[in-house]
Amino acid sequence: MAKYYTYEGKPVGFIRKMVDGVVLLESGWTGAVNQHFAKKGYDTLLAPIAQILVDAGHPPITRAQAWLILHDMTNKGVPEALRNVETDEKVGLGKLFSDSLQSSKSAGTAIVDTAVSAGKTVGGAVVSVGKGKRSNSTEGDESDSE
């Protein structure tokens, strides 16, 4: 079942959907993403945040700090630059990866590989995405539990 949200992130019902611009989310989408991160860990999502800060000269951050940066950014709603009222409330019209899926995958993989190479530290722990160990474990990363 689809859910509708305002661009500010508030859930809306059918009547409000008819009046305002809304964003549709299929219920299966959230489940699929949650399942992915449960199986593969969160470092692929969090590492770019840590890398941006390191590149800007900030000290290393923990996974929890990276998560809350994302939380703070996304809780302010959808940025104007990302809004498309003509397609956001429909399924199948997205263009995030559809036109250049293969080149985006290659570029995205290269960026993540660079940001999360073996021996790179994120929040005081060695990031081991794709190295056989679950990357969302906090073993040895006591800074996440403080």
C-alpha atoms as a PDB file:
ATOM      1  CA  MET A   1       0.000   0.000   0.000  1.00  0.00           C
ATOM      2  CA  ALA A   2       1.373   3.388  -0.966  1.00  0.00           C
ATOM      3  CA  LYS A   3       1.852   6.189   1.532  1.00  0.00           C
ATOM      4  CA  TYR A   4       1.919   9.877   0.699  1.00  0.00           C
ATOM      5  CA  TYR A   5       4.065  12.531   2.364  1.00  0.00           C
ATOM      6  CA  THR A   6       4.409  16.276   2.012  1.00  0.00           C
ATOM      7  CA  TYR A   7       7.769  17.559   0.855  1.00  0.00           C
ATOM      8  CA  GLU A   8       8.392  18.402   4.506  1.00  0.00           C
ATOM      9  CA  GLY A   9       8.094  14.699   5.361  1.00  0.00           C
ATOM     10  CA  LYS A  10       4.696  14.667   7.066  1.00  0.00           C
ATOM     11  CA  PRO A  11       2.316  11.799   6.196  1.00  0.00           C
ATOM     12  CA  VAL A  12      -0.911  12.887   4.475  1.00  0.00           C
ATOM     13  CA  GLY A  13      -4.210  11.277   3.623  1.00  0.00           C
ATOM     14  CA  PHE A  14      -6.025  11.002   0.321  1.00  0.00           C
ATOM     15  CA  ILE A  15      -7.776  14.396   0.515  1.00  0.00           C
ATOM     16  CA  ARG A  16      -4.601  16.336   1.234  1.00  0.00           C
ATOM     17  CA  LYS A  17      -2.962  14.447  -1.633  1.00  0.00           C
ATOM     18  CA  MET A  18      -5.509  15.973  -3.999  1.00  0.00           C
ATOM     19  CA  VAL A  19      -4.698  19.526  -2.825  1.00  0.00           C
ATOM     20  CA  ASP A  20      -0.938  19.637  -2.253  1.00  0.00           C
ATOM     21  CA  GLY A  21       2.158  18.343  -3.969  1.00  0.00           C
ATOM     22  CA  VAL A  22       3.078  15.052  -2.341  1.00  0.00           C
ATOM     23  CA  VAL A  23       5.658  12.289  -2.578  1.00  0.00           C
ATOM     24  CA  LEU A  24       4.541   8.669  -2.946  1.00  0.00           C
ATOM     25  CA  LEU A  25       6.398   5.875  -1.183  1.00  0.00           C
ATOM     26  CA  GLU A  26       5.505   2.260  -1.814  1.00  0.00           C
ATOM     27  CA  SER A  27       5.525   0.270   1.419  1.00  0.00           C
ATOM     28  CA  GLY A  28       7.807  -2.345  -0.109  1.00  0.00           C
ATOM     29  CA  TRP A  29      10.524   0.228  -0.813  1.00  0.00           C
ATOM     30  CA  THR A  30      11.237   0.949   2.835  1.00  0.00           C
ATOM     31  CA  GLY A  31      11.215  -2.748   3.652  1.00  0.00           C
ATOM     32  CA  ALA A  32      13.657  -3.542   0.839  1.00  0.00           C
ATOM     33  CA  VAL A  33      16.068  -0.827   1.956  1.00  0.00           C
ATOM     34  CA  ASN A  34      15.849  -1.870   5.616  1.00  0.00           C
ATOM     35  CA  GLN A  35      16.469  -5.485   4.620  1.00  0.00           C
ATOM     36  CA  HIS A  36      19.508  -4.472   2.549  1.00  0.00           C
ATOM     37  CA  PHE A  37      21.125  -2.583   5.428  1.00  0.00           C
ATOM     38  CA  ALA A  38      20.270  -5.329   7.921  1.00  0.00           C
ATOM     39  CA  LYS A  39      22.149  -7.836   5.751  1.00  0.00           C
ATOM     40  CA  LYS A  40      25.016  -5.698   4.430  1.00  0.00           C
ATOM     41  CA  GLY A  41      25.566  -3.079   7.114  1.00  0.00           C
ATOM     42  CA  TYR A  42      25.304   0.689   7.066  1.00  0.00           C
ATOM     43  CA  ASP A  43      28.823   1.764   6.147  1.00  0.00           C
ATOM     44  CA  THR A  44      28.017   2.233   2.450  1.00  0.00           C
ATOM     45  CA  LEU A  45      25.479   4.860   3.512  1.00  0.00           C
ATOM     46  CA  LEU A  46      27.569   6.448   6.262  1.00  0.00           C
ATOM     47  CA  ALA A  47      31.061   6.416   4.721  1.00  0.00           C
ATOM     48  CA  PRO A  48      30.413   9.256   2.232  1.00  0.00           C
ATOM     49  CA  ILE A  49      29.333  11.507   5.140  1.00  0.00           C
ATOM     50  CA  ALA A  50      32.525  10.703   7.039  1.00  0.00           C
ATOM     51  CA  GLN A  51      34.623  11.235   3.907  1.00  0.00           C
ATOM     52  CA  ILE A  52      33.048  14.635   3.199  1.00  0.00           C
ATOM     53  CA  LEU A  53      33.949  15.759   6.708  1.00  0.00           C
ATOM     54  CA  VAL A  54      37.494  14.350   6.553  1.00  0.00           C
ATOM     55  CA  ASP A  55      38.015  16.075   3.181  1.00  0.00           C
ATOM     56  CA  ALA A  56      36.829  19.332   4.760  1.00  0.00           C
ATOM     57  CA  GLY A  57      39.388  18.962   7.565  1.00  0.00           C
ATOM     58  CA  HIS A  58      37.060  17.752  10.324  1.00  0.00           C
ATOM     59  CA  PRO A  59      38.081  14.984  12.743  1.00  0.00           C
ATOM     60  CA  PRO A  60      36.810  11.411  12.206  1.00  0.00           C
ATOM     61  CA  ILE A  61      33.227  10.758  13.321  1.00  0.00           C
ATOM     62  CA  THR A  62      31.401   7.712  14.666  1.00  0.00           C
ATOM     63  CA  ARG A  63      28.689   5.820  12.841  1.00  0.00           C
ATOM     64  CA  ALA A  64      26.075   7.278  15.195  1.00  0.00           C
ATOM     65  CA  GLN A  65      27.317  10.810  14.466  1.00  0.00           C
ATOM     66  CA  ALA A  66      27.154  10.164  10.705  1.00  0.00           C
ATOM     67  CA  TRP A  67      23.636   8.744  11.106  1.00  0.00           C
ATOM     68  CA  LEU A  68      22.459  11.808  13.011  1.00  0.00           C
ATOM     69  CA  ILE A  69      23.943  14.114  10.377  1.00  0.00           C
ATOM     70  CA  LEU A  70      21.790  12.314   7.796  1.00  0.00           C
ATOM     71  CA  HIS A  71      18.824  12.436  10.173  1.00  0.00           C
ATOM     72  CA  ASP A  72      19.232  16.175  10.715  1.00  0.00           C
ATOM     73  CA  MET A  73      19.518  16.842   6.986  1.00  0.00           C
ATOM     74  CA  THR A  74      16.576  14.680   5.954  1.00  0.00           C
ATOM     75  CA  ASN A  75      14.235  15.812   8.731  1.00  0.00           C
ATOM     76  CA  LYS A  76      14.115  19.248   7.143  1.00  0.00           C
ATOM     77  CA  GLY A  77      12.152  17.842   4.223  1.00  0.00           C
ATOM     78  CA  VAL A  78      13.009  17.420   0.551  1.00  0.00           C
ATOM     79  CA  PRO A  79      15.344  20.159  -0.713  1.00  0.00           C
ATOM     80  CA  GLU A  80      13.802  22.335  -3.450  1.00  0.00           C
ATOM     81  CA  ALA A  81      16.416  21.132  -5.939  1.00  0.00           C
ATOM     82  CA  LEU A  82      15.140  17.532  -5.626  1.00  0.00           C
ATOM     83  CA  ARG A  83      11.419  18.225  -5.942  1.00  0.00           C
ATOM     84  CA  ASN A  84       9.403  17.347  -9.042  1.00  0.00           C
ATOM     85  CA  VAL A  85       5.699  17.727  -8.363  1.00  0.00           C
ATOM     86  CA  GLU A  86       4.802  16.158 -11.699  1.00  0.00           C
ATOM     87  CA  THR A  87       6.501  12.821 -10.997  1.00  0.00           C
ATOM     88  CA  ASP A  88       7.050  12.530  -7.233  1.00  0.00           C
ATOM     89  CA  GLU A  89       3.552  11.220  -6.556  1.00  0.00           C
ATOM     90  CA  LYS A  90       3.705   8.523  -9.221  1.00  0.00           C
ATOM     91  CA  VAL A  91       5.517   5.197  -9.487  1.00  0.00           C
ATOM     92  CA  GLY A  92       7.843   4.383 -12.357  1.00  0.00           C
ATOM     93  CA  LEU A  93       8.655   7.909 -13.529  1.00  0.00           C
ATOM     94  CA  GLY A  94      11.821   8.369 -11.498  1.00  0.00           C
ATOM     95  CA  LYS A  95      15.045   9.139 -13.306  1.00  0.00           C
ATOM     96  CA  LEU A  96      17.513   8.736 -10.436  1.00  0.00           C
ATOM     97  CA  PHE A  97      19.202   5.753 -12.099  1.00  0.00           C
ATOM     98  CA  SER A  98      16.973   4.704 -14.985  1.00  0.00           C
ATOM     99  CA  ASP A  99      18.795   6.464 -17.860  1.00  0.00           C
ATOM    100  CA  SER A 100      22.343   5.863 -16.755  1.00  0.00           C
ATOM    101  CA  LEU A 101      22.091   2.906 -14.408  1.00  0.00           C
ATOM    102  CA  GLN A 102      25.254   1.226 -15.590  1.00  0.00           C
ATOM    103  CA  SER A 103      27.438   4.360 -15.551  1.00  0.00           C
ATOM    104  CA  SER A 104      25.987   5.427 -12.214  1.00  0.00           C
ATOM    105  CA  LYS A 105      26.697   2.017 -10.714  1.00  0.00           C
ATOM    106  CA  SER A 106      30.301   2.182 -11.919  1.00  0.00           C
ATOM    107  CA  ALA A 107      30.806   5.732 -10.692  1.00  0.00           C
ATOM    108  CA  GLY A 108      29.049   5.013  -7.381  1.00  0.00           C
ATOM    109  CA  THR A 109      31.132   1.913  -6.815  1.00  0.00           C
ATOM    110  CA  ALA A 110      34.330   3.846  -7.504  1.00  0.00           C
ATOM    111  CA  ILE A 111      33.309   6.579  -5.065  1.00  0.00           C
ATOM    112  CA  VAL A 112      32.393   4.106  -2.321  1.00  0.00           C
ATOM    113  CA  ASP A 113      35.547   2.054  -2.979  1.00  0.00           C
ATOM    114  CA  THR A 114      37.629   5.211  -2.633  1.00  0.00           C
ATOM    115  CA  ALA A 115      35.770   6.388   0.467  1.00  0.00           C
ATOM    116  CA  VAL A 116      35.792   2.999   2.152  1.00  0.00           C
ATOM    117  CA  SER A 117      39.071   1.417   1.129  1.00  0.00           C
ATOM    118  CA  ALA A 118      40.657  -1.053   3.513  1.00  0.00           C
ATOM    119  CA  GLY A 119      42.538   0.716   6.253  1.00  0.00           C
ATOM    120  CA  LYS A 120      40.423   3.880   6.033  1.00  0.00           C
ATOM    121  CA  THR A 121      39.061   4.828   9.435  1.00  0.00           C
ATOM    122  CA  VAL A 122      35.526   5.968  10.010  1.00  0.00           C
ATOM    123  CA  GLY A 123      34.728   6.901  13.582  1.00  0.00           C
ATOM    124  CA  GLY A 124      37.850   5.261  14.930  1.00  0.00           C
ATOM    125  CA  ALA A 125      37.171   1.830  13.394  1.00  0.00           C
ATOM    126  CA  VAL A 126      38.536   0.350  10.224  1.00  0.00           C
ATOM    127  CA  VAL A 127      35.790   0.233   7.644  1.00  0.00           C
ATOM    128  CA  SER A 128      35.542  -3.198   6.106  1.00  0.00           C
ATOM    129  CA  VAL A 129      32.734  -2.947   3.587  1.00  0.00           C
ATOM    130  CA  GLY A 130      32.681  -5.975   1.350  1.00  0.00           C
ATOM    131  CA  LYS A 131      35.549  -7.657   3.170  1.00  0.00           C
ATOM    132  CA  GLY A 132      33.443 -10.493   4.598  1.00  0.00           C
ATOM    133  CA  LYS A 133      32.836  -8.967   8.013  1.00  0.00           C
ATOM    134  CA  ARG A 134      29.546  -7.252   8.769  1.00  0.00           C
ATOM    135  CA  SER A 135      30.357  -3.591   8.507  1.00  0.00           C
ATOM    136  CA  ASN A 136      27.680  -2.367  10.897  1.00  0.00           C
ATOM    137  CA  SER A 137      29.154  -4.198  13.862  1.00  0.00           C
ATOM    138  CA  THR A 138      30.436  -2.055  16.654  1.00  0.00           C
ATOM    139  CA  GLU A 139      33.047  -4.483  17.873  1.00  0.00           C
ATOM    140  CA  GLY A 140      36.079  -2.486  18.815  1.00  0.00           C
ATOM    141  CA  ASP A 141      34.281   0.799  18.088  1.00  0.00           C
ATOM    142  CA  GLU A 142      33.396   1.868  21.572  1.00  0.00           C
ATOM    143  CA  SER A 143      32.962   5.468  20.454  1.00  0.00           C
ATOM    144  CA  ASP A 144      29.532   4.568  18.970  1.00  0.00           C
ATOM    145  CA  SER A 145      28.197   3.478  22.333  1.00  0.00           C
ATOM    146  CA  GLU A 146      29.162   6.599  24.246  1.00  0.00           C
END
